[in-house]
Structures are given as C-alpha cells and as structure tokens.
Amino acid sequence: MAYQIPRNVKGEGRILFIFSKKGLIFTAVGGGVGLFLFWIFSTLGLTAIGVIFLLIFALIGFGIGTLKVPNTSAFEITKKTGGENLDDVIFRWLKFKFKNKKKIYVYTEEVTKDDR
C-alpha cells in the first residue's frame, strides 16, 4: 500500500533558485533597457558606465518583479497597499492615471461600536 507523503512545494517553480517566472521576465525587461543604454554608452567609448546602467536596470526589474509593498502604517500608501506585489501596485496606478480621468476612488473605514 502506497501513502502520499506531504511535502513543501513552495519555491519549486523558481528558476536558478532566486528567480520566479515573473521575476525573471521583469529582470529581462529591465536588462533589455539597460542593454540599450549599454549600447549607447559603448558607442561613445564609455563601456564601464554602460555596464553600470545595465546592472542597475536589471536590479530595478528584479525588484519590481519580486518585492512586495511593506505592510506598515507609517505611510498612507503602505496602509492601503501593504502586502501586495509591487508590480500590481504600479500597473494599477498606471491604469488609473492614464485610462480614464473621471474615476474617483473612495477609501472607507468600517465604524465599530468602540469607535463611536
């Protein structure tokens, strides 16, 4: 008789240990932007600066693809978006900013008996 042994499968979808699929895609996009800047600076003879820009943009892409907004009450934005992925927050902001100018978001708080 065979028994199924439960195991922790979290993180098995990672590529090269630190990259999730989404993190790898965002790192590649950031690296692509950095590669374009590297090409521009290398034609000007500033290869070292081009490599620095390539690494910076790849790190920015990796951060956007993998980091979450901290859940803290120190700032207004982190109260509302705490714990969400950074890319989701950025895409939602871009959609709100450029999609339609006549939208209004209302943030309401529940009132309990103790608050009165």
C-alpha atoms as a PDB file:
ATOM      1  CA  MET A   1       0.000   0.000   0.000  1.00  0.00           C
ATOM      2  CA  ALA A   2       1.429   3.416  -1.006  1.00  0.00           C
ATOM      3  CA  TYR A   3       0.905   6.515   1.096  1.00  0.00           C
ATOM      4  CA  GLN A   4       1.221  10.097  -0.112  1.00  0.00           C
ATOM      5  CA  ILE A   5       3.745  11.997   1.959  1.00  0.00           C
ATOM      6  CA  PRO A   6       3.010  15.724   2.204  1.00  0.00           C
ATOM      7  CA  ARG A   7       5.909  17.921   1.215  1.00  0.00           C
ATOM      8  CA  ASN A   8       6.591  21.597   0.928  1.00  0.00           C
ATOM      9  CA  VAL A   9       6.384  22.529  -2.759  1.00  0.00           C
ATOM     10  CA  LYS A  10       6.746  26.274  -2.272  1.00  0.00           C
ATOM     11  CA  GLY A  11       9.593  27.601  -4.340  1.00  0.00           C
ATOM     12  CA  GLU A  12       9.761  24.654  -6.753  1.00  0.00           C
ATOM     13  CA  GLY A  13       8.595  26.929  -9.561  1.00  0.00           C
ATOM     14  CA  ARG A  14      11.735  29.012  -9.253  1.00  0.00           C
ATOM     15  CA  ILE A  15      14.358  29.218 -11.964  1.00  0.00           C
ATOM     16  CA  LEU A  16      18.023  29.491 -10.934  1.00  0.00           C
ATOM     17  CA  PHE A  17      16.958  29.478  -7.250  1.00  0.00           C
ATOM     18  CA  ILE A  18      16.262  33.247  -6.861  1.00  0.00           C
ATOM     19  CA  PHE A  19      14.117  33.891  -9.931  1.00  0.00           C
ATOM     20  CA  SER A  20      10.432  33.202 -10.134  1.00  0.00           C
ATOM     21  CA  LYS A  21       8.941  33.261 -13.628  1.00  0.00           C
ATOM     22  CA  LYS A  22       7.612  36.782 -13.138  1.00  0.00           C
ATOM     23  CA  GLY A  23      10.885  37.958 -11.578  1.00  0.00           C
ATOM     24  CA  LEU A  24      12.874  36.566 -14.480  1.00  0.00           C
ATOM     25  CA  ILE A  25      10.628  38.320 -17.016  1.00  0.00           C
ATOM     26  CA  PHE A  26      10.908  41.675 -15.242  1.00  0.00           C
ATOM     27  CA  THR A  27      14.682  41.241 -14.887  1.00  0.00           C
ATOM     28  CA  ALA A  28      14.939  40.513 -18.617  1.00  0.00           C
ATOM     29  CA  VAL A  29      12.880  43.608 -19.491  1.00  0.00           C
ATOM     30  CA  GLY A  30      14.987  45.784 -17.179  1.00  0.00           C
ATOM     31  CA  GLY A  31      18.127  44.209 -18.606  1.00  0.00           C
ATOM     32  CA  GLY A  32      16.860  44.977 -22.111  1.00  0.00           C
ATOM     33  CA  VAL A  33      16.505  48.654 -21.232  1.00  0.00           C
ATOM     34  CA  GLY A  34      19.957  48.543 -19.654  1.00  0.00           C
ATOM     35  CA  LEU A  35      21.344  46.773 -22.719  1.00  0.00           C
ATOM     36  CA  PHE A  36      20.069  49.591 -24.929  1.00  0.00           C
ATOM     37  CA  LEU A  37      21.800  52.135 -22.676  1.00  0.00           C
ATOM     38  CA  PHE A  38      24.928  49.960 -22.652  1.00  0.00           C
ATOM     39  CA  TRP A  39      24.949  50.035 -26.455  1.00  0.00           C
ATOM     40  CA  ILE A  40      24.620  53.830 -26.478  1.00  0.00           C
ATOM     41  CA  PHE A  41      27.404  54.338 -23.942  1.00  0.00           C
ATOM     42  CA  SER A  42      29.690  51.766 -25.581  1.00  0.00           C
ATOM     43  CA  THR A  43      29.447  53.612 -28.908  1.00  0.00           C
ATOM     44  CA  LEU A  44      30.569  56.726 -27.045  1.00  0.00           C
ATOM     45  CA  GLY A  45      33.517  54.818 -25.552  1.00  0.00           C
ATOM     46  CA  LEU A  46      32.066  54.672 -22.016  1.00  0.00           C
ATOM     47  CA  THR A  47      31.670  50.922 -21.621  1.00  0.00           C
ATOM     48  CA  ALA A  48      32.035  50.906 -17.816  1.00  0.00           C
ATOM     49  CA  ILE A  49      29.158  53.352 -17.389  1.00  0.00           C
ATOM     50  CA  GLY A  50      27.074  51.245 -19.776  1.00  0.00           C
ATOM     51  CA  VAL A  51      27.681  48.127 -17.663  1.00  0.00           C
ATOM     52  CA  ILE A  52      26.660  50.039 -14.535  1.00  0.00           C
ATOM     53  CA  PHE A  53      23.401  51.138 -16.177  1.00  0.00           C
ATOM     54  CA  LEU A  54      22.778  47.574 -17.374  1.00  0.00           C
ATOM     55  CA  LEU A  55      23.143  46.213 -13.831  1.00  0.00           C
ATOM     56  CA  ILE A  56      21.043  48.986 -12.271  1.00  0.00           C
ATOM     57  CA  PHE A  57      18.125  48.478 -14.657  1.00  0.00           C
ATOM     58  CA  ALA A  58      18.279  44.688 -14.262  1.00  0.00           C
ATOM     59  CA  LEU A  59      18.156  45.130 -10.455  1.00  0.00           C
ATOM     60  CA  ILE A  60      15.229  47.531 -10.742  1.00  0.00           C
ATOM     61  CA  GLY A  61      13.377  44.994 -12.905  1.00  0.00           C
ATOM     62  CA  PHE A  62      14.146  42.205 -10.438  1.00  0.00           C
ATOM     63  CA  GLY A  63      12.902  44.341  -7.540  1.00  0.00           C
ATOM     64  CA  ILE A  64       9.656  45.238  -9.276  1.00  0.00           C
ATOM     65  CA  GLY A  65       9.030  41.604 -10.183  1.00  0.00           C
ATOM     66  CA  THR A  66       9.735  40.060  -6.777  1.00  0.00           C
ATOM     67  CA  LEU A  67       9.273  42.576  -3.954  1.00  0.00           C
ATOM     68  CA  LYS A  68       6.086  43.279  -2.038  1.00  0.00           C
ATOM     69  CA  VAL A  69       4.949  46.585  -0.553  1.00  0.00           C
ATOM     70  CA  PRO A  70       5.658  46.501   3.197  1.00  0.00           C
ATOM     71  CA  ASN A  71       2.627  46.318   5.461  1.00  0.00           C
ATOM     72  CA  THR A  72       3.160  49.267   7.783  1.00  0.00           C
ATOM     73  CA  SER A  73       1.019  52.129   8.975  1.00  0.00           C
ATOM     74  CA  ALA A  74       3.812  54.714   8.752  1.00  0.00           C
ATOM     75  CA  PHE A  75       2.718  55.985   5.328  1.00  0.00           C
ATOM     76  CA  GLU A  76      -0.687  56.357   3.708  1.00  0.00           C
ATOM     77  CA  ILE A  77       0.278  54.335   0.624  1.00  0.00           C
ATOM     78  CA  THR A  78       1.517  51.373   2.669  1.00  0.00           C
ATOM     79  CA  LYS A  79      -1.680  51.308   4.724  1.00  0.00           C
ATOM     80  CA  LYS A  80      -3.727  50.717   1.578  1.00  0.00           C
ATOM     81  CA  THR A  81      -1.366  48.526  -0.457  1.00  0.00           C
ATOM     82  CA  GLY A  82       0.587  46.668   2.219  1.00  0.00           C
ATOM     83  CA  GLY A  83       1.398  43.075   1.315  1.00  0.00           C
ATOM     84  CA  GLU A  84       0.641  43.402  -2.404  1.00  0.00           C
ATOM     85  CA  ASN A  85       3.175  42.800  -5.153  1.00  0.00           C
ATOM     86  CA  LEU A  86       4.957  45.942  -6.283  1.00  0.00           C
ATOM     87  CA  ASP A  87       4.220  45.316  -9.971  1.00  0.00           C
ATOM     88  CA  ASP A  88       0.479  45.024  -9.259  1.00  0.00           C
ATOM     89  CA  VAL A  89       0.517  48.371  -7.458  1.00  0.00           C
ATOM     90  CA  ILE A  90       2.427  50.044 -10.299  1.00  0.00           C
ATOM     91  CA  PHE A  91       0.133  48.617 -13.009  1.00  0.00           C
ATOM     92  CA  ARG A  92      -2.973  49.654 -11.062  1.00  0.00           C
ATOM     93  CA  TRP A  93      -1.568  53.189 -10.678  1.00  0.00           C
ATOM     94  CA  LEU A  94      -0.774  53.396 -14.396  1.00  0.00           C
ATOM     95  CA  LYS A  95      -4.235  52.149 -15.304  1.00  0.00           C
ATOM     96  CA  PHE A  96      -5.854  54.710 -13.014  1.00  0.00           C
ATOM     97  CA  LYS A  97      -3.575  57.513 -14.230  1.00  0.00           C
ATOM     98  CA  PHE A  98      -3.970  57.043 -17.980  1.00  0.00           C
ATOM     99  CA  LYS A  99      -7.189  55.090 -18.576  1.00  0.00           C
ATOM    100  CA  ASN A 100      -9.973  57.474 -17.625  1.00  0.00           C
ATOM    101  CA  LYS A 101      -9.755  60.857 -15.951  1.00  0.00           C
ATOM    102  CA  LYS A 102     -13.228  60.738 -14.411  1.00  0.00           C
ATOM    103  CA  LYS A 103     -12.741  57.913 -11.897  1.00  0.00           C
ATOM    104  CA  ILE A 104     -12.918  58.517  -8.179  1.00  0.00           C
ATOM    105  CA  TYR A 105     -11.753  56.000  -5.596  1.00  0.00           C
ATOM    106  CA  VAL A 106     -13.229  56.230  -2.117  1.00  0.00           C
ATOM    107  CA  TYR A 107     -11.412  54.590   0.749  1.00  0.00           C
ATOM    108  CA  THR A 108     -13.836  53.898   3.574  1.00  0.00           C
ATOM    109  CA  GLU A 109     -13.193  52.574   7.027  1.00  0.00           C
ATOM    110  CA  GLU A 110     -15.618  50.456   8.982  1.00  0.00           C
ATOM    111  CA  VAL A 111     -17.044  52.088  12.086  1.00  0.00           C
ATOM    112  CA  THR A 112     -17.447  49.791  15.064  1.00  0.00           C
ATOM    113  CA  LYS A 113     -19.142  50.386  18.381  1.00  0.00           C
ATOM    114  CA  ASP A 114     -15.778  51.105  20.031  1.00  0.00           C
ATOM    115  CA  ASP A 115     -15.029  53.953  17.597  1.00  0.00           C
ATOM    116  CA  ARG A 116     -18.158  55.940  18.481  1.00  0.00           C
END
